C-alpha atoms as a PDB file:
ATOM      1  CA  UNK A   1     -64.442 131.410  63.980  1.00  0.00           C
ATOM      2  CA  UNK A   2     -67.516 132.649  62.450  1.00  0.00           C
ATOM      3  CA  UNK A   3     -69.164 134.441  65.248  1.00  0.00           C
ATOM      4  CA  UNK A   4     -67.792 135.786  68.443  1.00  0.00           C
ATOM      5  CA  UNK A   5     -69.188 136.250  71.974  1.00  0.00           C
ATOM      6  CA  UNK A   6     -70.220 139.889  73.218  1.00  0.00           C
ATOM      7  CA  UNK A   7     -71.881 141.473  76.167  1.00  0.00           C
ATOM      8  CA  UNK A   8     -74.750 143.950  74.773  1.00  0.00           C
ATOM      9  CA  UNK A   9     -76.579 146.475  76.750  1.00  0.00           C
ATOM     10  CA  UNK A  10     -79.789 147.904  75.889  1.00  0.00           C
ATOM     11  CA  UNK A  11     -81.987 150.585  77.740  1.00  0.00           C
ATOM     12  CA  UNK A  12     -80.884 151.085  81.422  1.00  0.00           C
ATOM     13  CA  UNK A  13     -78.185 148.504  82.107  1.00  0.00           C
ATOM     14  CA  UNK A  14     -79.960 145.673  80.474  1.00  0.00           C
ATOM     15  CA  UNK A  15     -76.658 143.529  79.810  1.00  0.00           C
ATOM     16  CA  UNK A  16     -77.230 140.339  77.520  1.00  0.00           C
ATOM     17  CA  UNK A  17     -74.599 137.813  76.260  1.00  0.00           C
ATOM     18  CA  UNK A  18     -74.996 137.046  72.467  1.00  0.00           C
ATOM     19  CA  UNK A  19     -73.150 135.777  69.767  1.00  0.00           C
ATOM     20  CA  UNK A  20     -72.406 138.143  67.021  1.00  0.00           C
ATOM     21  CA  UNK A  21     -71.470 137.500  63.382  1.00  0.00           C
ATOM     22  CA  UNK A  22     -67.683 138.326  62.653  1.00  0.00           C
ATOM     23  CA  UNK A  23     -67.278 140.636  59.602  1.00  0.00           C
ATOM     24  CA  UNK A  24     -64.554 142.095  57.890  1.00  0.00           C
ATOM     25  CA  UNK A  25     -63.390 145.619  58.888  1.00  0.00           C
ATOM     26  CA  UNK A  26     -64.552 148.499  57.139  1.00  0.00           C
ATOM     27  CA  UNK A  27     -61.989 150.635  55.200  1.00  0.00           C
ATOM     28  CA  UNK A  28     -59.510 152.479  57.401  1.00  0.00           C
ATOM     29  CA  UNK A  29     -60.634 149.944  60.350  1.00  0.00           C
ATOM     30  CA  UNK A  30     -58.965 146.962  61.820  1.00  0.00           C
ATOM     31  CA  UNK A  31     -60.374 144.062  63.604  1.00  0.00           C
ATOM     32  CA  UNK A  32     -58.611 142.641  66.786  1.00  0.00           C
ATOM     33  CA  UNK A  33     -59.171 139.702  68.976  1.00  0.00           C
ATOM     34  CA  UNK A  34     -59.680 141.431  72.790  1.00  0.00           C
ATOM     35  CA  UNK A  35     -57.202 140.039  75.332  1.00  0.00           C
ATOM     36  CA  UNK A  36     -58.446 142.292  77.852  1.00  0.00           C
ATOM     37  CA  UNK A  37     -60.757 145.314  78.555  1.00  0.00           C
ATOM     38  CA  UNK A  38     -60.790 147.646  81.652  1.00  0.00           C
ATOM     39  CA  UNK A  39     -64.132 148.377  83.062  1.00  0.00           C
ATOM     40  CA  UNK A  40     -64.159 152.097  83.579  1.00  0.00           C
ATOM     41  CA  UNK A  41     -66.954 154.232  85.203  1.00  0.00           C
ATOM     42  CA  UNK A  42     -67.588 156.081  82.091  1.00  0.00           C
ATOM     43  CA  UNK A  43     -69.040 152.759  80.769  1.00  0.00           C
ATOM     44  CA  UNK A  44     -72.165 154.096  82.590  1.00  0.00           C
ATOM     45  CA  UNK A  45     -72.686 156.274  79.624  1.00  0.00           C
ATOM     46  CA  UNK A  46     -73.350 153.232  77.377  1.00  0.00           C
ATOM     47  CA  UNK A  47     -75.107 151.263  79.968  1.00  0.00           C
ATOM     48  CA  UNK A  48     -77.770 153.886  80.499  1.00  0.00           C
ATOM     49  CA  UNK A  49     -77.898 155.114  77.092  1.00  0.00           C
ATOM     50  CA  UNK A  50     -76.898 158.540  77.781  1.00  0.00           C
ATOM     51  CA  UNK A  51     -74.831 159.300  74.355  1.00  0.00           C
ATOM     52  CA  UNK A  52     -77.064 157.484  72.042  1.00  0.00           C
ATOM     53  CA  UNK A  53     -79.874 158.584  69.783  1.00  0.00           C
ATOM     54  CA  UNK A  54     -81.851 155.362  70.637  1.00  0.00           C
ATOM     55  CA  UNK A  55     -81.162 153.657  73.853  1.00  0.00           C
ATOM     56  CA  UNK A  56     -82.887 150.496  72.483  1.00  0.00           C
ATOM     57  CA  UNK A  57     -80.080 149.925  70.040  1.00  0.00           C
ATOM     58  CA  UNK A  58     -77.441 147.519  71.672  1.00  0.00           C
ATOM     59  CA  UNK A  59     -74.215 148.555  72.210  1.00  0.00           C
ATOM     60  CA  UNK A  60     -71.129 146.722  73.712  1.00  0.00           C
ATOM     61  CA  UNK A  61     -69.437 148.708  76.334  1.00  0.00           C
ATOM     62  CA  UNK A  62     -65.821 149.100  77.278  1.00  0.00           C
ATOM     63  CA  UNK A  63     -63.152 151.345  76.056  1.00  0.00           C
ATOM     64  CA  UNK A  64     -59.885 150.066  77.673  1.00  0.00           C
ATOM     65  CA  UNK A  65     -59.082 147.390  75.077  1.00  0.00           C
ATOM     66  CA  UNK A  66     -55.936 145.500  74.632  1.00  0.00           C
ATOM     67  CA  UNK A  67     -55.984 142.992  71.720  1.00  0.00           C
ATOM     68  CA  UNK A  68     -54.015 141.702  68.575  1.00  0.00           C
ATOM     69  CA  UNK A  69     -54.936 142.584  65.115  1.00  0.00           C
ATOM     70  CA  UNK A  70     -56.281 139.531  63.031  1.00  0.00           C
ATOM     71  CA  UNK A  71     -57.618 141.568  60.277  1.00  0.00           C
ATOM     72  CA  UNK A  72     -56.924 144.932  58.436  1.00  0.00           C
ATOM     73  CA  UNK A  73     -59.490 146.883  55.904  1.00  0.00           C
ATOM     74  CA  UNK A  74     -58.703 148.553  52.657  1.00  0.00           C
ATOM     75  CA  UNK A  75     -56.273 151.614  53.227  1.00  0.00           C
ATOM     76  CA  UNK A  76     -54.819 150.510  56.371  1.00  0.00           C
ATOM     77  CA  UNK A  77     -50.812 150.462  55.997  1.00  0.00           C
ATOM     78  CA  UNK A  78     -49.199 151.217  59.241  1.00  0.00           C
ATOM     79  CA  UNK A  79     -50.740 148.184  60.809  1.00  0.00           C
ATOM     80  CA  UNK A  80     -50.431 144.428  60.281  1.00  0.00           C
ATOM     81  CA  UNK A  81     -52.318 141.206  61.347  1.00  0.00           C
ATOM     82  CA  UNK A  82     -50.243 140.186  64.585  1.00  0.00           C
ATOM     83  CA  UNK A  83     -49.728 143.558  66.128  1.00  0.00           C
ATOM     84  CA  UNK A  84     -50.362 143.814  69.507  1.00  0.00           C
ATOM     85  CA  UNK A  85     -52.348 147.108  69.886  1.00  0.00           C
ATOM     86  CA  UNK A  86     -54.743 148.864  72.522  1.00  0.00           C
ATOM     87  CA  UNK A  87     -57.866 151.199  71.953  1.00  0.00           C
ATOM     88  CA  UNK A  88     -58.888 153.771  74.270  1.00  0.00           C
ATOM     89  CA  UNK A  89     -62.162 156.083  74.858  1.00  0.00           C
ATOM     90  CA  UNK A  90     -61.395 157.905  71.277  1.00  0.00           C
ATOM     91  CA  UNK A  91     -61.918 155.629  68.551  1.00  0.00           C
ATOM     92  CA  UNK A  92     -59.814 157.272  66.046  1.00  0.00           C
ATOM     93  CA  UNK A  93     -59.985 160.820  64.667  1.00  0.00           C
ATOM     94  CA  UNK A  94     -61.373 161.679  61.078  1.00  0.00           C
ATOM     95  CA  UNK A  95     -58.342 164.074  59.731  1.00  0.00           C
ATOM     96  CA  UNK A  96     -60.786 166.176  58.304  1.00  0.00           C
ATOM     97  CA  UNK A  97     -62.638 168.452  60.602  1.00  0.00           C
ATOM     98  CA  UNK A  98     -61.427 171.779  61.865  1.00  0.00           C
ATOM     99  CA  UNK A  99     -59.970 170.329  65.183  1.00  0.00           C
ATOM    100  CA  UNK A 100     -58.219 167.481  63.348  1.00  0.00           C
ATOM    101  CA  UNK A 101     -56.704 170.371  60.827  1.00  0.00           C
ATOM    102  CA  UNK A 102     -55.298 172.145  63.544  1.00  0.00           C
ATOM    103  CA  UNK A 103     -53.903 169.380  65.328  1.00  0.00           C
ATOM    104  CA  UNK A 104     -56.388 169.101  68.254  1.00  0.00           C
ATOM    105  CA  UNK A 105     -57.110 165.307  67.626  1.00  0.00           C
ATOM    106  CA  UNK A 106     -58.875 164.953  70.939  1.00  0.00           C
ATOM    107  CA  UNK A 107     -61.400 167.312  70.098  1.00  0.00           C
ATOM    108  CA  UNK A 108     -62.095 165.742  66.671  1.00  0.00           C
ATOM    109  CA  UNK A 109     -65.825 166.488  65.928  1.00  0.00           C
ATOM    110  CA  UNK A 110     -66.357 163.184  64.040  1.00  0.00           C
ATOM    111  CA  UNK A 111     -64.523 160.904  66.622  1.00  0.00           C
ATOM    112  CA  UNK A 112     -66.407 157.646  67.449  1.00  0.00           C
ATOM    113  CA  UNK A 113     -66.424 157.078  71.413  1.00  0.00           C
ATOM    114  CA  UNK A 114     -65.517 153.347  72.206  1.00  0.00           C
ATOM    115  CA  UNK A 115     -67.852 151.387  73.915  1.00  0.00           C
ATOM    116  CA  UNK A 116     -70.390 154.301  74.003  1.00  0.00           C
ATOM    117  CA  UNK A 117     -71.081 155.487  70.376  1.00  0.00           C
ATOM    118  CA  UNK A 118     -69.739 152.343  68.727  1.00  0.00           C
ATOM    119  CA  UNK A 119     -69.153 148.802  70.097  1.00  0.00           C
ATOM    120  CA  UNK A 120     -66.403 148.430  72.806  1.00  0.00           C
ATOM    121  CA  UNK A 121     -64.507 145.845  74.542  1.00  0.00           C
ATOM    122  CA  UNK A 122     -66.714 143.867  76.483  1.00  0.00           C
ATOM    123  CA  UNK A 123     -66.491 141.025  73.736  1.00  0.00           C
ATOM    124  CA  UNK A 124     -64.098 138.667  72.405  1.00  0.00           C
ATOM    125  CA  UNK A 125     -63.767 140.660  69.006  1.00  0.00           C
ATOM    126  CA  UNK A 126     -63.769 144.675  68.574  1.00  0.00           C
ATOM    127  CA  UNK A 127     -63.243 147.307  65.747  1.00  0.00           C
ATOM    128  CA  UNK A 128     -61.577 150.332  65.544  1.00  0.00           C
ATOM    129  CA  UNK A 129     -60.382 153.009  63.024  1.00  0.00           C
ATOM    130  CA  UNK A 130     -56.610 152.647  62.427  1.00  0.00           C
ATOM    131  CA  UNK A 131     -55.998 156.441  63.741  1.00  0.00           C
ATOM    132  CA  UNK A 132     -57.405 155.354  67.086  1.00  0.00           C
ATOM    133  CA  UNK A 133     -54.646 152.553  67.475  1.00  0.00           C
ATOM    134  CA  UNK A 134     -51.871 152.418  70.343  1.00  0.00           C
ATOM    135  CA  UNK A 135     -49.135 150.131  70.459  1.00  0.00           C
ATOM    136  CA  UNK A 136     -48.408 148.109  73.475  1.00  0.00           C
ATOM    137  CA  UNK A 137     -44.889 147.894  74.765  1.00  0.00           C
ATOM    138  CA  UNK A 138     -43.407 144.512  74.875  1.00  0.00           C
ATOM    139  CA  UNK A 139     -43.464 142.441  78.267  1.00  0.00           C
ATOM    140  CA  UNK A 140     -46.721 144.767  79.371  1.00  0.00           C
ATOM    141  CA  UNK A 141     -49.281 142.374  80.406  1.00  0.00           C
ATOM    142  CA  UNK A 142     -52.769 143.178  78.461  1.00  0.00           C
ATOM    143  CA  UNK A 143     -54.507 143.116  82.021  1.00  0.00           C
ATOM    144  CA  UNK A 144     -51.792 145.996  83.124  1.00  0.00           C
ATOM    145  CA  UNK A 145     -52.143 147.957  80.137  1.00  0.00           C
ATOM    146  CA  UNK A 146     -56.069 148.080  79.639  1.00  0.00           C
ATOM    147  CA  UNK A 147     -56.660 150.604  82.568  1.00  0.00           C
ATOM    148  CA  UNK A 148     -53.832 152.571  81.381  1.00  0.00           C
ATOM    149  CA  UNK A 149     -55.333 153.418  78.149  1.00  0.00           C
ATOM    150  CA  UNK A 150     -58.125 155.624  79.574  1.00  0.00           C
ATOM    151  CA  UNK A 151     -57.522 156.162  83.378  1.00  0.00           C
ATOM    152  CA  UNK A 152     -53.647 156.035  83.021  1.00  0.00           C
ATOM    153  CA  UNK A 153     -54.009 158.641  80.203  1.00  0.00           C
ATOM    154  CA  UNK A 154     -56.420 160.784  81.796  1.00  0.00           C
ATOM    155  CA  UNK A 155     -53.821 161.477  84.787  1.00  0.00           C
ATOM    156  CA  UNK A 156     -51.037 161.570  82.778  1.00  0.00           C
ATOM    157  CA  UNK A 157     -52.040 163.797  80.158  1.00  0.00           C
ATOM    158  CA  UNK A 158     -53.733 166.248  82.965  1.00  0.00           C
ATOM    159  CA  UNK A 159     -50.413 166.290  84.683  1.00  0.00           C
ATOM    160  CA  UNK A 160     -48.163 166.643  81.485  1.00  0.00           C
ATOM    161  CA  UNK A 161     -50.047 169.974  80.503  1.00  0.00           C
ATOM    162  CA  UNK A 162     -49.317 171.771  83.732  1.00  0.00           C
ATOM    163  CA  UNK A 163     -47.179 174.760  84.079  1.00  0.00           C
ATOM    164  CA  UNK A 164     -45.184 173.463  86.992  1.00  0.00           C
ATOM    165  CA  UNK A 165     -41.743 172.573  87.707  1.00  0.00           C
ATOM    166  CA  UNK A 166     -40.032 169.609  89.290  1.00  0.00           C
ATOM    167  CA  UNK A 167     -40.316 170.114  93.209  1.00  0.00           C
ATOM    168  CA  UNK A 168     -43.670 172.055  92.897  1.00  0.00           C
ATOM    169  CA  UNK A 169     -46.472 170.974  95.182  1.00  0.00           C
ATOM    170  CA  UNK A 170     -49.299 168.932  93.238  1.00  0.00           C
ATOM    171  CA  UNK A 171     -52.401 167.744  94.710  1.00  0.00           C
ATOM    172  CA  UNK A 172     -54.436 164.742  93.683  1.00  0.00           C
ATOM    173  CA  UNK A 173     -57.996 164.791  95.020  1.00  0.00           C
ATOM    174  CA  UNK A 174     -59.344 161.431  95.475  1.00  0.00           C
ATOM    175  CA  UNK A 175     -57.593 158.215  95.708  1.00  0.00           C
ATOM    176  CA  UNK A 176     -59.416 155.834  93.464  1.00  0.00           C
ATOM    177  CA  UNK A 177     -59.499 154.166  90.253  1.00  0.00           C
ATOM    178  CA  UNK A 178     -58.052 157.465  89.000  1.00  0.00           C
ATOM    179  CA  UNK A 179     -56.330 159.089  91.855  1.00  0.00           C
ATOM    180  CA  UNK A 180     -54.031 155.867  92.732  1.00  0.00           C
ATOM    181  CA  UNK A 181     -52.705 156.131  89.245  1.00  0.00           C
ATOM    182  CA  UNK A 182     -52.282 160.151  89.693  1.00  0.00           C
ATOM    183  CA  UNK A 183     -50.041 159.986  92.762  1.00  0.00           C
ATOM    184  CA  UNK A 184     -47.886 157.624  90.904  1.00  0.00           C
ATOM    185  CA  UNK A 185     -47.620 159.605  87.824  1.00  0.00           C
ATOM    186  CA  UNK A 186     -47.128 162.890  89.835  1.00  0.00           C
ATOM    187  CA  UNK A 187     -44.330 161.290  91.849  1.00  0.00           C
ATOM    188  CA  UNK A 188     -42.653 160.040  88.914  1.00  0.00           C
ATOM    189  CA  UNK A 189     -42.704 163.669  86.999  1.00  0.00           C
ATOM    190  CA  UNK A 190     -40.832 165.035  89.940  1.00  0.00           C
ATOM    191  CA  UNK A 191     -43.810 166.630  91.874  1.00  0.00           C
ATOM    192  CA  UNK A 192     -43.909 166.833  95.518  1.00  0.00           C
ATOM    193  CA  UNK A 193     -47.427 165.037  96.095  1.00  0.00           C
ATOM    194  CA  UNK A 194     -50.450 166.056  98.460  1.00  0.00           C
ATOM    195  CA  UNK A 195     -53.057 163.359  98.445  1.00  0.00           C
ATOM    196  CA  UNK A 196     -56.535 164.528  99.494  1.00  0.00           C
ATOM    197  CA  UNK A 197     -58.998 161.930 100.415  1.00  0.00           C
ATOM    198  CA  UNK A 198     -62.163 161.497 103.220  1.00  0.00           C
ATOM    199  CA  UNK A 199     -60.877 159.940 106.373  1.00  0.00           C
ATOM    200  CA  UNK A 200     -57.298 158.495 107.398  1.00  0.00           C
ATOM    201  CA  UNK A 201     -57.735 154.901 106.034  1.00  0.00           C
ATOM    202  CA  UNK A 202     -56.026 155.658 103.089  1.00  0.00           C
ATOM    203  CA  UNK A 203     -53.212 157.854 104.383  1.00  0.00           C
ATOM    204  CA  UNK A 204     -50.770 154.860 104.585  1.00  0.00           C
ATOM    205  CA  UNK A 205     -51.659 153.543 100.977  1.00  0.00           C
ATOM    206  CA  UNK A 206     -51.136 157.059  99.802  1.00  0.00           C
ATOM    207  CA  UNK A 207     -47.558 157.601 101.405  1.00  0.00           C
ATOM    208  CA  UNK A 208     -46.838 153.937  99.461  1.00  0.00           C
ATOM    209  CA  UNK A 209     -47.810 155.225  96.203  1.00  0.00           C
ATOM    210  CA  UNK A 210     -45.525 158.403  96.798  1.00  0.00           C
ATOM    211  CA  UNK A 211     -47.536 161.303  98.542  1.00  0.00           C
ATOM    212  CA  UNK A 212     -45.391 163.157 100.920  1.00  0.00           C
ATOM    213  CA  UNK A 213     -48.530 164.416 102.577  1.00  0.00           C
ATOM    214  CA  UNK A 214     -52.051 163.285 103.010  1.00  0.00           C
ATOM    215  CA  UNK A 215     -55.120 165.714 103.886  1.00  0.00           C
ATOM    216  CA  UNK A 216     -58.225 164.368 105.652  1.00  0.00           C
ATOM    217  CA  UNK A 217     -61.171 166.694 103.833  1.00  0.00           C
ATOM    218  CA  UNK A 218     -63.354 165.569 106.585  1.00  0.00           C
ATOM    219  CA  UNK A 219     -61.205 166.795 109.470  1.00  0.00           C
ATOM    220  CA  UNK A 220     -59.798 170.062 108.073  1.00  0.00           C
ATOM    221  CA  UNK A 221     -60.282 172.590 105.176  1.00  0.00           C
ATOM    222  CA  UNK A 222     -58.371 171.246 102.289  1.00  0.00           C
ATOM    223  CA  UNK A 223     -57.729 174.665 100.783  1.00  0.00           C
ATOM    224  CA  UNK A 224     -56.570 175.948 104.015  1.00  0.00           C
ATOM    225  CA  UNK A 225     -54.252 172.889 104.676  1.00  0.00           C
ATOM    226  CA  UNK A 226     -52.787 173.341 101.280  1.00  0.00           C
ATOM    227  CA  UNK A 227     -52.183 177.189 101.667  1.00  0.00           C
ATOM    228  CA  UNK A 228     -50.101 176.096 105.032  1.00  0.00           C
ATOM    229  CA  UNK A 229     -48.072 173.924 102.501  1.00  0.00           C
ATOM    230  CA  UNK A 230     -47.352 176.890 100.451  1.00  0.00           C
ATOM    231  CA  UNK A 231     -50.252 176.609  97.900  1.00  0.00           C
ATOM    232  CA  UNK A 232     -50.424 173.818  95.133  1.00  0.00           C
ATOM    233  CA  UNK A 233     -49.120 174.762  91.691  1.00  0.00           C
ATOM    234  CA  UNK A 234     -51.995 172.222  90.379  1.00  0.00           C
ATOM    235  CA  UNK A 235     -54.935 170.146  92.162  1.00  0.00           C
ATOM    236  CA  UNK A 236     -56.053 167.213  90.027  1.00  0.00           C
ATOM    237  CA  UNK A 237     -59.484 166.503  91.047  1.00  0.00           C
ATOM    238  CA  UNK A 238     -60.604 163.133  90.378  1.00  0.00           C
ATOM    239  CA  UNK A 239     -63.610 162.850  92.804  1.00  0.00           C
ATOM    240  CA  UNK A 240     -66.984 163.173  90.762  1.00  0.00           C
ATOM    241  CA  UNK A 241     -68.380 165.837  93.196  1.00  0.00           C
ATOM    242  CA  UNK A 242     -68.283 169.423  92.273  1.00  0.00           C
ATOM    243  CA  UNK A 243     -69.161 170.259  95.985  1.00  0.00           C
ATOM    244  CA  UNK A 244     -65.742 168.663  97.077  1.00  0.00           C
ATOM    245  CA  UNK A 245     -63.870 170.363  94.087  1.00  0.00           C
ATOM    246  CA  UNK A 246     -65.004 173.717  95.351  1.00  0.00           C
ATOM    247  CA  UNK A 247     -63.331 173.918  98.412  1.00  0.00           C
ATOM    248  CA  UNK A 248     -59.919 173.299  96.824  1.00  0.00           C
ATOM    249  CA  UNK A 249     -59.759 176.274  94.865  1.00  0.00           C
ATOM    250  CA  UNK A 250     -58.479 178.541  97.552  1.00  0.00           C
ATOM    251  CA  UNK A 251     -55.533 175.990  98.067  1.00  0.00           C
ATOM    252  CA  UNK A 252     -53.862 177.095  94.763  1.00  0.00           C
ATOM    253  CA  UNK A 253     -50.847 179.037  94.747  1.00  0.00           C
ATOM    254  CA  UNK A 254     -50.484 182.000  92.508  1.00  0.00           C
ATOM    255  CA  UNK A 255     -51.154 180.821  88.982  1.00  0.00           C
ATOM    256  CA  UNK A 256     -52.264 177.434  90.124  1.00  0.00           C
ATOM    257  CA  UNK A 257     -54.866 175.313  88.218  1.00  0.00           C
ATOM    258  CA  UNK A 258     -57.631 173.351  89.434  1.00  0.00           C
ATOM    259  CA  UNK A 259     -57.730 170.504  86.499  1.00  0.00           C
ATOM    260  CA  UNK A 260     -61.296 168.586  86.777  1.00  0.00           C
ATOM    261  CA  UNK A 261     -61.027 165.113  85.482  1.00  0.00           C
ATOM    262  CA  UNK A 262     -63.753 163.572  87.700  1.00  0.00           C
ATOM    263  CA  UNK A 263     -67.124 163.941  85.994  1.00  0.00           C
ATOM    264  CA  UNK A 264     -69.566 164.998  88.644  1.00  0.00           C
ATOM    265  CA  UNK A 265     -73.127 166.158  87.926  1.00  0.00           C
ATOM    266  CA  UNK A 266     -73.321 169.174  90.735  1.00  0.00           C
ATOM    267  CA  UNK A 267     -71.480 172.253  90.191  1.00  0.00           C
ATOM    268  CA  UNK A 268     -68.395 173.654  91.239  1.00  0.00           C
ATOM    269  CA  UNK A 269     -68.982 177.130  93.166  1.00  0.00           C
ATOM    270  CA  UNK A 270     -66.116 179.491  93.220  1.00  0.00           C
ATOM    271  CA  UNK A 271     -65.300 183.304  94.825  1.00  0.00           C
ATOM    272  CA  UNK A 272     -64.311 185.375  91.902  1.00  0.00           C
ATOM    273  CA  UNK A 273     -61.745 186.821  94.166  1.00  0.00           C
ATOM    274  CA  UNK A 274     -60.105 183.375  94.428  1.00  0.00           C
ATOM    275  CA  UNK A 275     -59.398 183.310  90.679  1.00  0.00           C
ATOM    276  CA  UNK A 276     -58.819 187.059  89.976  1.00  0.00           C
ATOM    277  CA  UNK A 277     -56.153 187.710  93.086  1.00  0.00           C
ATOM    278  CA  UNK A 278     -53.506 185.343  92.287  1.00  0.00           C
ATOM    279  CA  UNK A 279     -54.559 184.673  88.458  1.00  0.00           C
ATOM    280  CA  UNK A 280     -55.728 180.997  89.336  1.00  0.00           C
ATOM    281  CA  UNK A 281     -57.784 179.149  86.633  1.00  0.00           C
ATOM    282  CA  UNK A 282     -60.075 176.014  86.531  1.00  0.00           C
ATOM    283  CA  UNK A 283     -60.005 173.854  83.476  1.00  0.00           C
ATOM    284  CA  UNK A 284     -60.965 170.464  82.169  1.00  0.00           C
ATOM    285  CA  UNK A 285     -59.069 167.416  80.860  1.00  0.00           C
ATOM    286  CA  UNK A 286     -60.459 164.647  78.792  1.00  0.00           C
ATOM    287  CA  UNK A 287     -58.009 162.274  77.588  1.00  0.00           C
ATOM    288  CA  UNK A 288     -55.191 162.400  74.878  1.00  0.00           C
ATOM    289  CA  UNK A 289     -54.193 161.311  71.393  1.00  0.00           C
ATOM    290  CA  UNK A 290     -53.468 157.797  70.330  1.00  0.00           C
ATOM    291  CA  UNK A 291     -49.796 158.861  70.096  1.00  0.00           C
ATOM    292  CA  UNK A 292     -49.718 160.520  73.470  1.00  0.00           C
ATOM    293  CA  UNK A 293     -51.148 157.179  74.897  1.00  0.00           C
ATOM    294  CA  UNK A 294     -48.070 155.304  73.663  1.00  0.00           C
ATOM    295  CA  UNK A 295     -46.142 158.008  75.449  1.00  0.00           C
ATOM    296  CA  UNK A 296     -47.989 157.138  78.203  1.00  0.00           C
ATOM    297  CA  UNK A 297     -47.458 153.513  78.324  1.00  0.00           C
ATOM    298  CA  UNK A 298     -43.686 153.740  77.515  1.00  0.00           C
ATOM    299  CA  UNK A 299     -43.549 156.229  80.551  1.00  0.00           C
ATOM    300  CA  UNK A 300     -45.585 153.756  82.727  1.00  0.00           C
ATOM    301  CA  UNK A 301     -43.339 150.672  81.644  1.00  0.00           C
ATOM    302  CA  UNK A 302     -40.073 152.526  82.371  1.00  0.00           C
ATOM    303  CA  UNK A 303     -41.065 154.760  85.600  1.00  0.00           C
ATOM    304  CA  UNK A 304     -42.870 151.410  87.303  1.00  0.00           C
ATOM    305  CA  UNK A 305     -46.481 153.072  87.317  1.00  0.00           C
ATOM    306  CA  UNK A 306     -48.906 150.204  87.710  1.00  0.00           C
ATOM    307  CA  UNK A 307     -52.808 149.878  87.992  1.00  0.00           C
ATOM    308  CA  UNK A 308     -53.917 148.003  90.974  1.00  0.00           C
ATOM    309  CA  UNK A 309     -56.522 145.572  89.373  1.00  0.00           C
ATOM    310  CA  UNK A 310     -59.164 143.083  90.074  1.00  0.00           C
ATOM    311  CA  UNK A 311     -59.279 140.889  87.428  1.00  0.00           C
ATOM    312  CA  UNK A 312     -62.291 138.769  86.476  1.00  0.00           C
ATOM    313  CA  UNK A 313     -63.240 136.602  83.191  1.00  0.00           C
ATOM    314  CA  UNK A 314     -65.416 138.186  80.318  1.00  0.00           C
ATOM    315  CA  UNK A 315     -68.298 135.959  81.395  1.00  0.00           C
ATOM    316  CA  UNK A 316     -68.458 137.843  84.592  1.00  0.00           C
ATOM    317  CA  UNK A 317     -68.719 141.060  82.721  1.00  0.00           C
ATOM    318  CA  UNK A 318     -72.002 142.724  84.418  1.00  0.00           C
ATOM    319  CA  UNK A 319     -70.959 141.541  87.648  1.00  0.00           C
ATOM    320  CA  UNK A 320     -67.842 143.326  87.069  1.00  0.00           C
ATOM    321  CA  UNK A 321     -69.693 146.454  85.920  1.00  0.00           C
ATOM    322  CA  UNK A 322     -71.769 146.303  89.174  1.00  0.00           C
ATOM    323  CA  UNK A 323     -68.452 145.840  91.200  1.00  0.00           C
ATOM    324  CA  UNK A 324     -66.788 149.071  89.540  1.00  0.00           C
ATOM    325  CA  UNK A 325     -70.165 151.120  90.019  1.00  0.00           C
ATOM    326  CA  UNK A 326     -70.230 150.352  93.611  1.00  0.00           C
ATOM    327  CA  UNK A 327     -67.086 152.021  94.349  1.00  0.00           C
ATOM    328  CA  UNK A 328     -65.520 149.161  96.306  1.00  0.00           C
ATOM    329  CA  UNK A 329     -63.305 147.729  93.832  1.00  0.00           C
ATOM    330  CA  UNK A 330     -59.556 148.380  94.747  1.00  0.00           C
ATOM    331  CA  UNK A 331     -58.952 149.967  92.387  1.00  0.00           C
ATOM    332  CA  UNK A 332     -59.841 149.152  88.747  1.00  0.00           C
ATOM    333  CA  UNK A 333     -61.883 146.084  87.244  1.00  0.00           C
ATOM    334  CA  UNK A 334     -60.395 144.550  84.161  1.00  0.00           C
ATOM    335  CA  UNK A 335     -62.146 141.836  82.008  1.00  0.00           C
ATOM    336  CA  UNK A 336     -59.687 138.829  80.948  1.00  0.00           C
ATOM    337  CA  UNK A 337     -61.011 137.630  77.643  1.00  0.00           C
ATOM    338  CA  UNK A 338     -58.634 134.620  77.603  1.00  0.00           C
ATOM    339  CA  UNK A 339     -59.434 133.352  80.906  1.00  0.00           C
END
């Protein structure tokens, strides 16, 4: 095979199916045959040219990639042809910048963003830095693993970084592509889980995922409701709405933390006293390193954390993107390149 199919996007959501020439991987990189790729809300950064200097330059979206290595570049020693691997949003750290030298690989200043600043997985073939590769556990299907490489890791890392004990009250705001995974991770990490969403239609589903309490934010003040439960050691906010997050801060327990993972564009408003009295904090959580992603996949496999997916063939990538963006998917959309 000398060419491969890929969906490029230019300008604002202008998708086109193209044939690309197959090339050898660059030094320190690998080439992989894509088996599956998740469709994530962050893909809109690529589809709308928000992080590229020139939006007219084509880019292949997709950063929840699972595939098999079929070529390795010069200098790659830890990976071999035939290895089953994943690639997340971070396409490999440089190992040389100040953040890398201090061990903060997530904040590497020279790290390509898969499917946003470098080509991603809406394609039959993808390329990645060797430092960004993630080993896929035996027995885990590619379509199951793909969403865990970004959505799963985002929730796992946010919860793993808490200063909380098993049995503490932890709330997950939003029961969508991120939240339905967050409830499962929080349950398996031993927390008492509160699910917060709009309306009551997801209450039973939240209980099935492991939530012990359900709060309808349209019927009651979620902050006040959390205080009645004793206050949350942490709240993981997944809804892309700063306004909805603002109401949560008073529901934190002493030294509680609001962890923001939903990328909304409106501000979070907070009363200074709600932070000062009780020593509460608000922080953001991006994702994790490649080795942390391996931890995440192993944890998910052992503890039964599963993403609920709508699986569609690669040929329907633009429709899959539109389905994800509509908010009607239940709960992640995954491209099956082998279908």
